[in-house]
Structures are given as C-alpha cells and as structure tokens.
Amino acid sequence: GGSPSLLTEEQLIELDVHLQTNLYLSAKAVAHSLPAREARGG
C-alpha cells in the first residue's frame, strides 16, 4: 500500500501556479532593480 499523499492534485496545481507567479514577480523585481541600460540588454 502506498502512503497517502500530503497534497491533493488540485492543491499541487495551485501550488505550481503560486510558485510560477512568484518567480514571474521576482524576475520583474530584479529587472526593475537593474540599471536601465542593463535591462535593455546593453
């Protein structure tokens, strides 16, 4: 017998979306904190 899952599939999907959103926001924050010429790629 397998152990019961700690998270349901629905919760895993929610968590995945949450992490993706945080990654996106973090990337945006990093981009904004860079000097303008760096953000434009040189």
PDB file of N, CA and C in Angstrom:
ATOM      1  N   GLY A   1       0.830  -1.206   0.000  1.00  0.00           N
ATOM      2  CA  GLY A   1       0.000   0.000   0.000  1.00  0.00           C
ATOM      3  C   GLY A   1       0.859   1.248   0.000  1.00  0.00           C
ATOM      4  N   GLY A   2       0.453   2.208  -0.810  1.00  0.00           N
ATOM      5  CA  GLY A   2       1.209   3.462  -0.863  1.00  0.00           C
ATOM      6  C   GLY A   2       0.788   4.401   0.247  1.00  0.00           C
ATOM      7  N   SER A   3       1.689   5.274   0.624  1.00  0.00           N
ATOM      8  CA  SER A   3       1.339   6.254   1.649  1.00  0.00           C
ATOM      9  C   SER A   3       0.364   7.272   1.076  1.00  0.00           C
ATOM     10  N   PRO A   4      -0.537   7.781   1.895  1.00  0.00           N
ATOM     11  CA  PRO A   4      -1.467   8.804   1.422  1.00  0.00           C
ATOM     12  C   PRO A   4      -0.723  10.086   1.063  1.00  0.00           C
ATOM     13  N   SER A   5      -1.142  10.740   0.004  1.00  0.00           N
ATOM     14  CA  SER A   5      -0.479  11.963  -0.427  1.00  0.00           C
ATOM     15  C   SER A   5      -0.747  13.082   0.566  1.00  0.00           C
ATOM     16  N   LEU A   6       0.242  13.907   0.780  1.00  0.00           N
ATOM     17  CA  LEU A   6       0.053  15.053   1.662  1.00  0.00           C
ATOM     18  C   LEU A   6      -0.783  16.120   0.961  1.00  0.00           C
ATOM     19  N   LEU A   7      -0.613  16.221  -0.350  1.00  0.00           N
ATOM     20  CA  LEU A   7      -1.351  17.212  -1.123  1.00  0.00           C
ATOM     21  C   LEU A   7      -2.206  16.513  -2.166  1.00  0.00           C
ATOM     22  N   THR A   8      -3.388  17.039  -2.386  1.00  0.00           N
ATOM     23  CA  THR A   8      -4.224  16.532  -3.466  1.00  0.00           C
ATOM     24  C   THR A   8      -3.705  17.098  -4.784  1.00  0.00           C
ATOM     25  N   GLU A   9      -4.155  16.516  -5.891  1.00  0.00           N
ATOM     26  CA  GLU A   9      -3.708  17.005  -7.193  1.00  0.00           C
ATOM     27  C   GLU A   9      -4.082  18.473  -7.371  1.00  0.00           C
ATOM     28  N   GLU A  10      -5.271  18.831  -6.886  1.00  0.00           N
ATOM     29  CA  GLU A  10      -5.720  20.218  -7.012  1.00  0.00           C
ATOM     30  C   GLU A  10      -4.798  21.164  -6.254  1.00  0.00           C
ATOM     31  N   GLN A  11      -4.395  20.741  -5.045  1.00  0.00           N
ATOM     32  CA  GLN A  11      -3.505  21.579  -4.247  1.00  0.00           C
ATOM     33  C   GLN A  11      -2.136  21.716  -4.914  1.00  0.00           C
ATOM     34  N   LEU A  12      -1.682  20.626  -5.538  1.00  0.00           N
ATOM     35  CA  LEU A  12      -0.400  20.678  -6.234  1.00  0.00           C
ATOM     36  C   LEU A  12      -0.456  21.675  -7.384  1.00  0.00           C
ATOM     37  N   ILE A  13      -1.569  21.676  -8.113  1.00  0.00           N
ATOM     38  CA  ILE A  13      -1.725  22.611  -9.227  1.00  0.00           C
ATOM     39  C   ILE A  13      -1.724  24.043  -8.698  1.00  0.00           C
ATOM     40  N   GLU A  14      -2.453  24.262  -7.607  1.00  0.00           N
ATOM     41  CA  GLU A  14      -2.484  25.601  -7.006  1.00  0.00           C
ATOM     42  C   GLU A  14      -1.091  26.046  -6.606  1.00  0.00           C
ATOM     43  N   LEU A  15      -0.355  25.131  -5.976  1.00  0.00           N
ATOM     44  CA  LEU A  15       0.998  25.437  -5.530  1.00  0.00           C
ATOM     45  C   LEU A  15       1.885  25.767  -6.726  1.00  0.00           C
ATOM     46  N   ASP A  16       1.751  25.005  -7.805  1.00  0.00           N
ATOM     47  CA  ASP A  16       2.547  25.225  -9.001  1.00  0.00           C
ATOM     48  C   ASP A  16       2.282  26.609  -9.569  1.00  0.00           C
ATOM     49  N   VAL A  17       1.008  26.973  -9.665  1.00  0.00           N
ATOM     50  CA  VAL A  17       0.643  28.297 -10.182  1.00  0.00           C
ATOM     51  C   VAL A  17       1.215  29.382  -9.276  1.00  0.00           C
ATOM     52  N   HIS A  18       1.114  29.159  -7.971  1.00  0.00           N
ATOM     53  CA  HIS A  18       1.611  30.130  -6.997  1.00  0.00           C
ATOM     54  C   HIS A  18       3.116  30.338  -7.173  1.00  0.00           C
ATOM     55  N   LEU A  19       3.861  29.250  -7.339  1.00  0.00           N
ATOM     56  CA  LEU A  19       5.311  29.346  -7.497  1.00  0.00           C
ATOM     57  C   LEU A  19       5.665  30.054  -8.796  1.00  0.00           C
ATOM     58  N   GLN A  20       4.945  29.726  -9.872  1.00  0.00           N
ATOM     59  CA  GLN A  20       5.209  30.375 -11.154  1.00  0.00           C
ATOM     60  C   GLN A  20       4.975  31.872 -11.048  1.00  0.00           C
ATOM     61  N   THR A  21       3.894  32.261 -10.347  1.00  0.00           N
ATOM     62  CA  THR A  21       3.596  33.682 -10.182  1.00  0.00           C
ATOM     63  C   THR A  21       4.706  34.367  -9.402  1.00  0.00           C
ATOM     64  N   ASN A  22       5.164  33.724  -8.328  1.00  0.00           N
ATOM     65  CA  ASN A  22       6.232  34.312  -7.525  1.00  0.00           C
ATOM     66  C   ASN A  22       7.514  34.457  -8.337  1.00  0.00           C
ATOM     67  N   LEU A  23       7.827  33.445  -9.150  1.00  0.00           N
ATOM     68  CA  LEU A  23       9.016  33.516  -9.991  1.00  0.00           C
ATOM     69  C   LEU A  23       8.905  34.682 -10.957  1.00  0.00           C
ATOM     70  N   TYR A  24       7.713  34.847 -11.554  1.00  0.00           N
ATOM     71  CA  TYR A  24       7.491  35.923 -12.515  1.00  0.00           C
ATOM     72  C   TYR A  24       7.678  37.281 -11.846  1.00  0.00           C
ATOM     73  N   LEU A  25       7.057  37.437 -10.659  1.00  0.00           N
ATOM     74  CA  LEU A  25       7.153  38.708  -9.948  1.00  0.00           C
ATOM     75  C   LEU A  25       8.587  38.973  -9.512  1.00  0.00           C
ATOM     76  N   SER A  26       9.295  37.927  -9.087  1.00  0.00           N
ATOM     77  CA  SER A  26      10.682  38.096  -8.668  1.00  0.00           C
ATOM     78  C   SER A  26      11.544  38.540  -9.847  1.00  0.00           C
ATOM     79  N   ALA A  27      11.319  37.932 -11.000  1.00  0.00           N
ATOM     80  CA  ALA A  27      12.079  38.293 -12.192  1.00  0.00           C
ATOM     81  C   ALA A  27      11.814  39.748 -12.566  1.00  0.00           C
ATOM     82  N   LYS A  28      10.547  40.160 -12.460  1.00  0.00           N
ATOM     83  CA  LYS A  28      10.201  41.548 -12.766  1.00  0.00           C
ATOM     84  C   LYS A  28      10.899  42.493 -11.798  1.00  0.00           C
ATOM     85  N   ALA A  29      10.889  42.129 -10.514  1.00  0.00           N
ATOM     86  CA  ALA A  29      11.511  42.981  -9.500  1.00  0.00           C
ATOM     87  C   ALA A  29      13.011  43.112  -9.757  1.00  0.00           C
ATOM     88  N   VAL A  30      13.646  42.001 -10.117  1.00  0.00           N
ATOM     89  CA  VAL A  30      15.080  42.026 -10.415  1.00  0.00           C
ATOM     90  C   VAL A  30      15.346  42.913 -11.622  1.00  0.00           C
ATOM     91  N   ALA A  31      14.520  42.777 -12.656  1.00  0.00           N
ATOM     92  CA  ALA A  31      14.694  43.575 -13.867  1.00  0.00           C
ATOM     93  C   ALA A  31      14.570  45.062 -13.550  1.00  0.00           C
ATOM     94  N   HIS A  32      13.635  45.407 -12.673  1.00  0.00           N
ATOM     95  CA  HIS A  32      13.425  46.814 -12.326  1.00  0.00           C
ATOM     96  C   HIS A  32      14.578  47.355 -11.488  1.00  0.00           C
ATOM     97  N   SER A  33      15.252  46.476 -10.751  1.00  0.00           N
ATOM     98  CA  SER A  33      16.325  46.938  -9.875  1.00  0.00           C
ATOM     99  C   SER A  33      17.637  47.119 -10.640  1.00  0.00           C
ATOM    100  N   LEU A  34      17.705  46.584 -11.860  1.00  0.00           N
ATOM    101  CA  LEU A  34      18.912  46.732 -12.668  1.00  0.00           C
ATOM    102  C   LEU A  34      18.971  48.127 -13.283  1.00  0.00           C
ATOM    103  N   PRO A  35      20.182  48.600 -13.596  1.00  0.00           N
ATOM    104  CA  PRO A  35      20.307  49.857 -14.349  1.00  0.00           C
ATOM    105  C   PRO A  35      19.587  49.740 -15.686  1.00  0.00           C
ATOM    106  N   ALA A  36      19.061  50.835 -16.183  1.00  0.00           N
ATOM    107  CA  ALA A  36      18.232  50.827 -17.391  1.00  0.00           C
ATOM    108  C   ALA A  36      18.966  50.188 -18.567  1.00  0.00           C
ATOM    109  N   ARG A  37      20.234  50.537 -18.769  1.00  0.00           N
ATOM    110  CA  ARG A  37      20.951  50.002 -19.936  1.00  0.00           C
ATOM    111  C   ARG A  37      21.124  48.494 -19.827  1.00  0.00           C
ATOM    112  N   GLU A  38      21.286  47.959 -18.603  1.00  0.00           N
ATOM    113  CA  GLU A  38      21.381  46.512 -18.410  1.00  0.00           C
ATOM    114  C   GLU A  38      20.070  45.857 -18.798  1.00  0.00           C
ATOM    115  N   ALA A  39      18.961  46.457 -18.383  1.00  0.00           N
ATOM    116  CA  ALA A  39      17.648  45.892 -18.658  1.00  0.00           C
ATOM    117  C   ALA A  39      17.392  45.864 -20.162  1.00  0.00           C
ATOM    118  N   ARG A  40      17.958  46.838 -20.893  1.00  0.00           N
ATOM    119  CA  ARG A  40      17.752  46.871 -22.343  1.00  0.00           C
ATOM    120  C   ARG A  40      18.696  45.917 -23.067  1.00  0.00           C
ATOM    121  N   GLY A  41      19.574  45.279 -22.333  1.00  0.00           N
ATOM    122  CA  GLY A  41      20.477  44.311 -22.948  1.00  0.00           C
ATOM    123  C   GLY A  41      21.746  44.955 -23.451  1.00  0.00           C
ATOM    124  N   GLY A  42      22.185  46.068 -22.864  1.00  0.00           N
ATOM    125  CA  GLY A  42      23.430  46.682 -23.243  1.00  0.00           C
ATOM    126  C   GLY A  42      23.201  47.934 -24.053  1.00  0.00           C
TER     127      GLY A  42
END
